[in-house]
Amino acid sequence: MLKLDKIDRKILSILQTDGRLSNLEVAEQVNLSSSPCLRRIKRLEESGVIRQYVALIDPRKVGLGLLAYVNVRLERHSDVPPKGGARSPRSDFAASVEQWPEIVACYAMTGEMDYLLRVHVENMDHFSRFMMETLLRHPAVLDVKSSFALNQIKETTALPLTQI
């Protein structure tokens, strides 16, 4: 883990708010000259603290109006591959999830279910097709439970850096 000082945290907070700011604009906000600010940003990028820069897209404005959270329980819990060189059920499921564009986030979970999926689809018909033709056909999937977002109260990609 990279040691972060107050200035690093402020740079990160600024970039979380607007990743398109120029180095000069960031430097002015943290009271540094351009060169030291750029060195800090490069160090944060090279160390992996800053993973990437992206555009955040409103799903509704591109036709993805339904957000579902899907809990998935797998049939087998072994990470040991079966005989014959096939992948384990967990690694096979993880590889499949990577190929399904409707799933925008997947987390291995503690508790009753094995995975939590965040799924963006056009509408209920699209969700039904995804469930029936894709997710439920996976051989390791034993059970699913779905919940649908009715209203967005809060959504942010910014981490609470000032709390650390």
N, C-alpha and C. Protein backbone atom coordinates (compact mmCIF):
# COMPACT_ATOMS: atom_id res chain seq x y z
N MET A 1 0.84 -1.18 0.00
CA MET A 1 0.00 0.00 0.00
C MET A 1 0.89 1.25 0.00
N LEU A 2 0.60 2.16 -0.89
CA LEU A 2 1.35 3.39 -1.01
C LEU A 2 0.99 4.35 0.12
N LYS A 3 2.01 4.96 0.72
CA LYS A 3 1.78 5.95 1.78
C LYS A 3 1.30 7.24 1.12
N LEU A 4 0.12 7.71 1.55
CA LEU A 4 -0.47 8.91 0.99
C LEU A 4 -0.46 10.03 2.03
N ASP A 5 0.00 11.21 1.62
CA ASP A 5 -0.07 12.37 2.52
C ASP A 5 -1.31 13.19 2.18
N LYS A 6 -1.47 14.31 2.87
CA LYS A 6 -2.65 15.17 2.68
C LYS A 6 -2.78 15.66 1.24
N ILE A 7 -1.65 16.02 0.64
CA ILE A 7 -1.68 16.54 -0.73
C ILE A 7 -2.11 15.43 -1.71
N ASP A 8 -1.57 14.22 -1.53
CA ASP A 8 -1.98 13.09 -2.38
C ASP A 8 -3.49 12.87 -2.28
N ARG A 9 -4.00 12.89 -1.04
CA ARG A 9 -5.44 12.68 -0.85
C ARG A 9 -6.26 13.80 -1.50
N LYS A 10 -5.76 15.02 -1.41
CA LYS A 10 -6.48 16.14 -2.03
C LYS A 10 -6.46 15.99 -3.55
N ILE A 11 -5.32 15.61 -4.11
CA ILE A 11 -5.23 15.37 -5.56
C ILE A 11 -6.23 14.30 -5.97
N LEU A 12 -6.28 13.22 -5.22
CA LEU A 12 -7.21 12.13 -5.54
C LEU A 12 -8.66 12.59 -5.44
N SER A 13 -8.97 13.36 -4.41
CA SER A 13 -10.34 13.87 -4.26
C SER A 13 -10.73 14.75 -5.44
N ILE A 14 -9.81 15.61 -5.86
CA ILE A 14 -10.07 16.50 -7.00
C ILE A 14 -10.29 15.68 -8.26
N LEU A 15 -9.42 14.71 -8.51
CA LEU A 15 -9.54 13.91 -9.73
C LEU A 15 -10.78 13.02 -9.71
N GLN A 16 -11.22 12.59 -8.52
CA GLN A 16 -12.46 11.81 -8.43
C GLN A 16 -13.66 12.65 -8.84
N THR A 17 -13.58 13.93 -8.57
CA THR A 17 -14.67 14.84 -8.91
C THR A 17 -14.65 15.17 -10.39
N ASP A 18 -13.46 15.40 -10.94
CA ASP A 18 -13.33 15.74 -12.36
C ASP A 18 -11.99 15.25 -12.88
N GLY A 19 -11.98 14.09 -13.48
CA GLY A 19 -10.75 13.49 -14.01
C GLY A 19 -10.23 14.16 -15.27
N ARG A 20 -10.97 15.12 -15.80
CA ARG A 20 -10.55 15.82 -17.02
C ARG A 20 -9.78 17.10 -16.74
N LEU A 21 -9.62 17.44 -15.48
CA LEU A 21 -8.87 18.65 -15.16
C LEU A 21 -7.43 18.52 -15.65
N SER A 22 -6.86 19.62 -16.08
CA SER A 22 -5.46 19.62 -16.49
C SER A 22 -4.58 19.54 -15.25
N ASN A 23 -3.34 19.16 -15.45
CA ASN A 23 -2.39 19.12 -14.35
C ASN A 23 -2.26 20.50 -13.71
N LEU A 24 -2.25 21.54 -14.53
CA LEU A 24 -2.14 22.90 -14.01
C LEU A 24 -3.32 23.25 -13.10
N GLU A 25 -4.53 22.86 -13.50
CA GLU A 25 -5.72 23.14 -12.68
C GLU A 25 -5.66 22.39 -11.35
N VAL A 26 -5.22 21.14 -11.38
CA VAL A 26 -5.08 20.36 -10.15
C VAL A 26 -4.00 21.00 -9.27
N ALA A 27 -2.87 21.35 -9.86
CA ALA A 27 -1.76 21.95 -9.11
C ALA A 27 -2.21 23.22 -8.40
N GLU A 28 -2.98 24.05 -9.08
CA GLU A 28 -3.47 25.29 -8.46
C GLU A 28 -4.36 24.99 -7.25
N GLN A 29 -5.19 23.96 -7.36
CA GLN A 29 -6.12 23.64 -6.27
C GLN A 29 -5.42 23.06 -5.04
N VAL A 30 -4.24 22.43 -5.24
CA VAL A 30 -3.51 21.86 -4.10
C VAL A 30 -2.31 22.72 -3.71
N ASN A 31 -2.20 23.90 -4.31
CA ASN A 31 -1.12 24.85 -4.01
C ASN A 31 0.28 24.27 -4.24
N LEU A 32 0.44 23.62 -5.39
CA LEU A 32 1.75 23.14 -5.82
C LEU A 32 2.05 23.74 -7.19
N SER A 33 3.32 23.72 -7.55
CA SER A 33 3.64 24.08 -8.94
C SER A 33 3.34 22.85 -9.80
N SER A 34 3.34 23.06 -11.09
CA SER A 34 2.92 22.03 -12.04
C SER A 34 3.78 20.75 -12.00
N SER A 35 5.10 20.91 -11.96
CA SER A 35 5.99 19.74 -12.01
C SER A 35 5.83 18.79 -10.82
N PRO A 36 5.87 19.28 -9.58
CA PRO A 36 5.68 18.35 -8.45
C PRO A 36 4.30 17.71 -8.45
N CYS A 37 3.30 18.46 -8.89
CA CYS A 37 1.95 17.90 -8.96
C CYS A 37 1.91 16.76 -9.98
N LEU A 38 2.51 16.98 -11.14
CA LEU A 38 2.54 15.95 -12.18
C LEU A 38 3.29 14.71 -11.68
N ARG A 39 4.40 14.91 -10.97
CA ARG A 39 5.15 13.76 -10.43
C ARG A 39 4.27 12.96 -9.47
N ARG A 40 3.52 13.64 -8.63
CA ARG A 40 2.64 12.95 -7.68
C ARG A 40 1.56 12.16 -8.43
N ILE A 41 0.95 12.79 -9.43
CA ILE A 41 -0.10 12.10 -10.19
C ILE A 41 0.49 10.88 -10.89
N LYS A 42 1.65 11.02 -11.51
CA LYS A 42 2.30 9.88 -12.19
C LYS A 42 2.59 8.75 -11.20
N ARG A 43 3.05 9.11 -9.99
CA ARG A 43 3.34 8.10 -8.96
C ARG A 43 2.05 7.38 -8.56
N LEU A 44 0.96 8.13 -8.43
CA LEU A 44 -0.33 7.53 -8.09
C LEU A 44 -0.83 6.61 -9.20
N GLU A 45 -0.58 6.99 -10.44
CA GLU A 45 -0.97 6.13 -11.58
C GLU A 45 -0.10 4.88 -11.64
N GLU A 46 1.21 5.05 -11.57
CA GLU A 46 2.14 3.93 -11.69
C GLU A 46 2.01 2.93 -10.56
N SER A 47 1.63 3.38 -9.38
CA SER A 47 1.48 2.49 -8.23
C SER A 47 0.11 1.78 -8.25
N GLY A 48 -0.78 2.20 -9.16
CA GLY A 48 -2.09 1.57 -9.25
C GLY A 48 -3.14 2.19 -8.35
N VAL A 49 -2.78 3.25 -7.59
CA VAL A 49 -3.80 3.93 -6.79
C VAL A 49 -4.85 4.51 -7.73
N ILE A 50 -4.41 5.18 -8.78
CA ILE A 50 -5.31 5.60 -9.86
C ILE A 50 -5.29 4.48 -10.88
N ARG A 51 -6.41 3.75 -10.99
CA ARG A 51 -6.48 2.61 -11.90
C ARG A 51 -6.71 3.02 -13.34
N GLN A 52 -7.62 3.99 -13.54
CA GLN A 52 -7.95 4.41 -14.90
C GLN A 52 -8.80 5.67 -14.85
N TYR A 53 -8.95 6.29 -15.99
CA TYR A 53 -9.83 7.44 -16.14
C TYR A 53 -10.96 7.02 -17.07
N VAL A 54 -12.20 7.35 -16.68
CA VAL A 54 -13.35 6.91 -17.47
C VAL A 54 -14.39 8.02 -17.56
N ALA A 55 -15.30 7.86 -18.52
CA ALA A 55 -16.49 8.71 -18.60
C ALA A 55 -17.62 7.94 -17.92
N LEU A 56 -18.34 8.58 -17.03
CA LEU A 56 -19.48 7.96 -16.36
C LEU A 56 -20.73 8.27 -17.18
N ILE A 57 -21.40 7.24 -17.62
CA ILE A 57 -22.54 7.36 -18.52
C ILE A 57 -23.83 7.12 -17.75
N ASP A 58 -24.84 7.92 -18.02
CA ASP A 58 -26.16 7.73 -17.42
C ASP A 58 -26.83 6.56 -18.13
N PRO A 59 -27.04 5.44 -17.44
CA PRO A 59 -27.60 4.24 -18.09
C PRO A 59 -28.96 4.50 -18.75
N ARG A 60 -29.79 5.30 -18.11
CA ARG A 60 -31.12 5.57 -18.66
C ARG A 60 -31.04 6.29 -20.00
N LYS A 61 -30.06 7.15 -20.16
CA LYS A 61 -29.94 7.93 -21.39
C LYS A 61 -29.39 7.13 -22.56
N VAL A 62 -28.91 5.92 -22.28
CA VAL A 62 -28.46 5.04 -23.36
C VAL A 62 -29.35 3.80 -23.46
N GLY A 63 -30.56 3.88 -22.87
CA GLY A 63 -31.54 2.82 -23.02
C GLY A 63 -31.45 1.68 -22.03
N LEU A 64 -30.68 1.84 -20.96
CA LEU A 64 -30.56 0.80 -19.94
C LEU A 64 -31.31 1.24 -18.69
N GLY A 65 -32.64 1.19 -18.76
CA GLY A 65 -33.49 1.77 -17.74
C GLY A 65 -33.79 0.91 -16.53
N LEU A 66 -33.36 -0.36 -16.53
CA LEU A 66 -33.67 -1.24 -15.40
C LEU A 66 -32.38 -1.69 -14.75
N LEU A 67 -32.28 -1.46 -13.44
CA LEU A 67 -31.13 -1.89 -12.65
C LEU A 67 -31.59 -2.97 -11.70
N ALA A 68 -30.91 -4.11 -11.77
CA ALA A 68 -31.24 -5.24 -10.89
C ALA A 68 -30.00 -5.66 -10.12
N TYR A 69 -30.23 -6.11 -8.90
CA TYR A 69 -29.20 -6.75 -8.10
C TYR A 69 -29.59 -8.20 -7.98
N VAL A 70 -28.69 -9.10 -8.34
CA VAL A 70 -29.01 -10.52 -8.39
C VAL A 70 -28.03 -11.26 -7.48
N ASN A 71 -28.59 -11.97 -6.50
CA ASN A 71 -27.79 -12.85 -5.64
C ASN A 71 -27.76 -14.22 -6.29
N VAL A 72 -26.58 -14.80 -6.38
CA VAL A 72 -26.41 -16.10 -7.03
C VAL A 72 -25.78 -17.08 -6.05
N ARG A 73 -26.37 -18.28 -6.00
CA ARG A 73 -25.77 -19.37 -5.22
C ARG A 73 -25.36 -20.45 -6.19
N LEU A 74 -24.11 -20.91 -6.05
CA LEU A 74 -23.59 -21.94 -6.94
C LEU A 74 -23.87 -23.32 -6.37
N GLU A 75 -23.92 -24.27 -7.28
CA GLU A 75 -24.19 -25.66 -6.92
C GLU A 75 -23.08 -26.26 -6.08
N ARG A 76 -21.87 -26.06 -6.49
CA ARG A 76 -20.72 -26.62 -5.79
C ARG A 76 -19.84 -25.48 -5.31
N HIS A 77 -19.21 -25.66 -4.17
CA HIS A 77 -18.38 -24.60 -3.60
C HIS A 77 -16.89 -24.88 -3.73
N SER A 78 -16.52 -25.93 -4.41
CA SER A 78 -15.12 -26.30 -4.51
C SER A 78 -14.38 -25.41 -5.50
N ASP A 79 -13.16 -25.06 -5.15
CA ASP A 79 -12.28 -24.36 -6.09
C ASP A 79 -11.39 -25.35 -6.82
N VAL A 80 -11.54 -26.65 -6.47
CA VAL A 80 -10.73 -27.69 -7.11
C VAL A 80 -11.41 -28.09 -8.41
N PRO A 81 -10.67 -28.06 -9.53
CA PRO A 81 -11.29 -28.45 -10.79
C PRO A 81 -11.64 -29.93 -10.80
N PRO A 82 -12.75 -30.28 -11.48
CA PRO A 82 -13.08 -31.69 -11.60
C PRO A 82 -12.05 -32.40 -12.47
N LYS A 83 -12.08 -33.72 -12.46
CA LYS A 83 -11.15 -34.50 -13.27
C LYS A 83 -11.35 -34.18 -14.75
N GLY A 84 -10.30 -34.31 -15.51
CA GLY A 84 -10.39 -34.04 -16.93
C GLY A 84 -9.88 -32.66 -17.31
N GLY A 85 -9.39 -31.89 -16.33
CA GLY A 85 -8.78 -30.60 -16.63
C GLY A 85 -9.74 -29.44 -16.78
N ALA A 86 -11.03 -29.66 -16.56
CA ALA A 86 -11.99 -28.55 -16.65
C ALA A 86 -11.76 -27.59 -15.48
N ARG A 87 -12.31 -26.38 -15.62
CA ARG A 87 -12.18 -25.40 -14.55
C ARG A 87 -13.11 -25.75 -13.40
N SER A 88 -12.78 -25.24 -12.20
CA SER A 88 -13.66 -25.40 -11.05
C SER A 88 -14.95 -24.63 -11.31
N PRO A 89 -16.05 -25.00 -10.63
CA PRO A 89 -17.31 -24.27 -10.81
C PRO A 89 -17.17 -22.77 -10.56
N ARG A 90 -16.42 -22.38 -9.53
CA ARG A 90 -16.25 -20.97 -9.22
C ARG A 90 -15.49 -20.24 -10.33
N SER A 91 -14.39 -20.82 -10.79
CA SER A 91 -13.61 -20.14 -11.83
C SER A 91 -14.35 -20.15 -13.15
N ASP A 92 -15.13 -21.19 -13.42
CA ASP A 92 -15.93 -21.24 -14.64
C ASP A 92 -17.02 -20.16 -14.59
N PHE A 93 -17.66 -20.00 -13.44
CA PHE A 93 -18.69 -18.97 -13.30
C PHE A 93 -18.06 -17.58 -13.45
N ALA A 94 -16.93 -17.35 -12.80
CA ALA A 94 -16.25 -16.05 -12.89
C ALA A 94 -15.87 -15.73 -14.34
N ALA A 95 -15.39 -16.72 -15.07
CA ALA A 95 -15.03 -16.51 -16.48
C ALA A 95 -16.27 -16.19 -17.31
N SER A 96 -17.37 -16.84 -17.01
CA SER A 96 -18.62 -16.57 -17.74
C SER A 96 -19.11 -15.16 -17.47
N VAL A 97 -19.07 -14.73 -16.21
CA VAL A 97 -19.52 -13.38 -15.84
C VAL A 97 -18.75 -12.33 -16.64
N GLU A 98 -17.46 -12.55 -16.83
CA GLU A 98 -16.64 -11.60 -17.61
C GLU A 98 -17.17 -11.42 -19.03
N GLN A 99 -17.86 -12.43 -19.56
CA GLN A 99 -18.35 -12.40 -20.94
C GLN A 99 -19.76 -11.83 -21.08
N TRP A 100 -20.48 -11.66 -19.99
CA TRP A 100 -21.88 -11.22 -20.05
C TRP A 100 -21.93 -9.71 -19.86
N PRO A 101 -22.22 -8.94 -20.92
CA PRO A 101 -22.17 -7.48 -20.81
C PRO A 101 -23.21 -6.88 -19.88
N GLU A 102 -24.31 -7.56 -19.64
CA GLU A 102 -25.35 -7.03 -18.75
C GLU A 102 -24.84 -6.88 -17.32
N ILE A 103 -23.87 -7.69 -16.94
CA ILE A 103 -23.32 -7.64 -15.58
C ILE A 103 -22.20 -6.60 -15.56
N VAL A 104 -22.42 -5.54 -14.79
CA VAL A 104 -21.43 -4.47 -14.71
C VAL A 104 -20.59 -4.55 -13.43
N ALA A 105 -21.01 -5.38 -12.48
CA ALA A 105 -20.23 -5.61 -11.27
C ALA A 105 -20.59 -6.97 -10.71
N CYS A 106 -19.59 -7.66 -10.19
CA CYS A 106 -19.80 -8.98 -9.58
C CYS A 106 -18.89 -9.08 -8.37
N TYR A 107 -19.48 -9.46 -7.23
CA TYR A 107 -18.74 -9.57 -5.99
C TYR A 107 -18.96 -10.95 -5.38
N ALA A 108 -17.88 -11.61 -4.96
CA ALA A 108 -18.00 -12.83 -4.15
C ALA A 108 -18.41 -12.38 -2.76
N MET A 109 -19.39 -13.06 -2.18
CA MET A 109 -19.99 -12.60 -0.94
C MET A 109 -19.88 -13.64 0.17
N THR A 110 -20.01 -13.16 1.40
CA THR A 110 -20.19 -14.04 2.53
C THR A 110 -21.69 -14.27 2.69
N GLY A 111 -22.05 -15.24 3.51
CA GLY A 111 -23.46 -15.44 3.80
C GLY A 111 -24.10 -16.51 2.93
N GLU A 112 -25.39 -16.42 2.82
CA GLU A 112 -26.22 -17.43 2.16
C GLU A 112 -25.93 -17.57 0.66
N MET A 113 -25.68 -16.46 -0.01
CA MET A 113 -25.44 -16.48 -1.45
C MET A 113 -23.94 -16.32 -1.72
N ASP A 114 -23.52 -16.79 -2.89
CA ASP A 114 -22.09 -16.77 -3.23
C ASP A 114 -21.65 -15.50 -3.93
N TYR A 115 -22.53 -14.93 -4.76
CA TYR A 115 -22.17 -13.76 -5.56
C TYR A 115 -23.30 -12.75 -5.55
N LEU A 116 -22.92 -11.48 -5.68
CA LEU A 116 -23.88 -10.40 -5.88
C LEU A 116 -23.54 -9.76 -7.22
N LEU A 117 -24.52 -9.70 -8.11
CA LEU A 117 -24.33 -9.11 -9.43
C LEU A 117 -25.11 -7.81 -9.54
N ARG A 118 -24.51 -6.81 -10.16
CA ARG A 118 -25.24 -5.59 -10.53
C ARG A 118 -25.47 -5.68 -12.02
N VAL A 119 -26.74 -5.65 -12.42
CA VAL A 119 -27.12 -5.92 -13.80
C VAL A 119 -27.88 -4.72 -14.36
N HIS A 120 -27.41 -4.20 -15.49
CA HIS A 120 -28.10 -3.12 -16.19
C HIS A 120 -28.68 -3.68 -17.49
N VAL A 121 -29.99 -3.52 -17.65
CA VAL A 121 -30.68 -3.98 -18.85
C VAL A 121 -31.68 -2.92 -19.31
N GLU A 122 -32.22 -3.12 -20.53
CA GLU A 122 -33.17 -2.17 -21.08
C GLU A 122 -34.48 -2.13 -20.30
N ASN A 123 -35.03 -3.31 -20.05
CA ASN A 123 -36.37 -3.41 -19.45
C ASN A 123 -36.56 -4.83 -18.89
N MET A 124 -37.77 -5.11 -18.42
CA MET A 124 -38.04 -6.42 -17.82
C MET A 124 -37.92 -7.56 -18.84
N ASP A 125 -38.28 -7.32 -20.09
CA ASP A 125 -38.12 -8.36 -21.12
C ASP A 125 -36.65 -8.71 -21.31
N HIS A 126 -35.80 -7.70 -21.36
CA HIS A 126 -34.37 -7.93 -21.50
C HIS A 126 -33.84 -8.69 -20.28
N PHE A 127 -34.29 -8.31 -19.08
CA PHE A 127 -33.86 -9.00 -17.87
C PHE A 127 -34.30 -10.47 -17.90
N SER A 128 -35.54 -10.70 -18.31
CA SER A 128 -36.06 -12.07 -18.38
C SER A 128 -35.24 -12.92 -19.36
N ARG A 129 -34.92 -12.36 -20.53
CA ARG A 129 -34.09 -13.10 -21.51
C ARG A 129 -32.71 -13.40 -20.93
N PHE A 130 -32.10 -12.39 -20.27
CA PHE A 130 -30.79 -12.60 -19.68
C PHE A 130 -30.83 -13.72 -18.64
N MET A 131 -31.84 -13.69 -17.78
CA MET A 131 -31.96 -14.71 -16.74
C MET A 131 -32.19 -16.10 -17.34
N MET A 132 -33.18 -16.20 -18.21
CA MET A 132 -33.60 -17.51 -18.73
C MET A 132 -32.60 -18.10 -19.74
N GLU A 133 -32.02 -17.25 -20.55
CA GLU A 133 -31.16 -17.76 -21.63
C GLU A 133 -29.67 -17.76 -21.28
N THR A 134 -29.30 -17.05 -20.23
CA THR A 134 -27.88 -16.93 -19.91
C THR A 134 -27.58 -17.40 -18.49
N LEU A 135 -27.99 -16.62 -17.50
CA LEU A 135 -27.58 -16.90 -16.12
C LEU A 135 -28.08 -18.25 -15.62
N LEU A 136 -29.35 -18.52 -15.78
CA LEU A 136 -29.90 -19.78 -15.26
C LEU A 136 -29.46 -21.01 -16.04
N ARG A 137 -28.91 -20.80 -17.21
CA ARG A 137 -28.39 -21.93 -17.99
C ARG A 137 -26.96 -22.31 -17.62
N HIS A 138 -26.33 -21.49 -16.81
CA HIS A 138 -24.97 -21.83 -16.40
C HIS A 138 -25.02 -23.07 -15.50
N PRO A 139 -24.20 -24.05 -15.77
CA PRO A 139 -24.29 -25.32 -15.03
C PRO A 139 -24.00 -25.22 -13.53
N ALA A 140 -23.28 -24.22 -13.09
CA ALA A 140 -22.96 -24.11 -11.66
C ALA A 140 -24.00 -23.35 -10.87
N VAL A 141 -24.94 -22.66 -11.54
CA VAL A 141 -25.92 -21.83 -10.84
C VAL A 141 -27.03 -22.70 -10.26
N LEU A 142 -27.20 -22.62 -8.95
CA LEU A 142 -28.23 -23.39 -8.26
C LEU A 142 -29.46 -22.54 -7.97
N ASP A 143 -29.24 -21.29 -7.53
CA ASP A 143 -30.36 -20.46 -7.11
C ASP A 143 -30.02 -18.99 -7.35
N VAL A 144 -31.03 -18.19 -7.67
CA VAL A 144 -30.86 -16.74 -7.81
C VAL A 144 -32.01 -16.04 -7.09
N LYS A 145 -31.72 -14.85 -6.59
CA LYS A 145 -32.73 -13.98 -6.00
C LYS A 145 -32.46 -12.59 -6.56
N SER A 146 -33.50 -11.98 -7.12
CA SER A 146 -33.35 -10.69 -7.77
C SER A 146 -34.09 -9.59 -7.02
N SER A 147 -33.51 -8.41 -7.04
CA SER A 147 -34.15 -7.20 -6.51
C SER A 147 -33.95 -6.10 -7.54
N PHE A 148 -34.94 -5.23 -7.66
CA PHE A 148 -34.89 -4.16 -8.65
C PHE A 148 -34.83 -2.81 -7.96
N ALA A 149 -33.99 -1.93 -8.49
CA ALA A 149 -33.89 -0.58 -7.95
C ALA A 149 -35.12 0.22 -8.37
N LEU A 150 -35.82 0.78 -7.40
CA LEU A 150 -36.99 1.60 -7.68
C LEU A 150 -36.63 3.07 -7.85
N ASN A 151 -35.64 3.51 -7.06
CA ASN A 151 -35.26 4.92 -7.07
C ASN A 151 -33.81 5.01 -6.62
N GLN A 152 -33.04 5.85 -7.25
CA GLN A 152 -31.65 6.05 -6.86
C GLN A 152 -31.57 7.16 -5.82
N ILE A 153 -31.10 6.83 -4.64
CA ILE A 153 -30.96 7.81 -3.57
C ILE A 153 -29.56 8.42 -3.61
N LYS A 154 -28.55 7.59 -3.76
CA LYS A 154 -27.17 8.06 -3.82
C LYS A 154 -26.37 7.12 -4.70
N GLU A 155 -25.52 7.69 -5.52
CA GLU A 155 -24.56 6.91 -6.28
C GLU A 155 -23.33 7.76 -6.49
N THR A 156 -22.20 7.22 -6.15
CA THR A 156 -20.95 7.93 -6.35
C THR A 156 -19.85 6.92 -6.65
N THR A 157 -18.87 7.35 -7.36
CA THR A 157 -17.68 6.53 -7.57
C THR A 157 -16.55 7.02 -6.67
N ALA A 158 -16.77 8.16 -6.00
CA ALA A 158 -15.73 8.78 -5.17
C ALA A 158 -15.59 8.04 -3.85
N LEU A 159 -14.36 7.69 -3.52
CA LEU A 159 -14.07 7.07 -2.23
C LEU A 159 -13.95 8.14 -1.14
N PRO A 160 -14.27 7.81 0.11
CA PRO A 160 -14.22 8.80 1.20
C PRO A 160 -12.80 9.01 1.71
N LEU A 161 -11.96 9.63 0.92
CA LEU A 161 -10.54 9.79 1.24
C LEU A 161 -10.28 10.71 2.41
N THR A 162 -11.17 11.65 2.66
CA THR A 162 -10.96 12.57 3.77
C THR A 162 -11.26 11.92 5.10
N GLN A 163 -11.86 10.73 5.08
CA GLN A 163 -12.22 10.03 6.32
C GLN A 163 -11.06 9.16 6.82
N ILE A 164 -10.05 8.97 6.00
CA ILE A 164 -8.94 8.08 6.36
C ILE A 164 -7.91 8.80 7.20
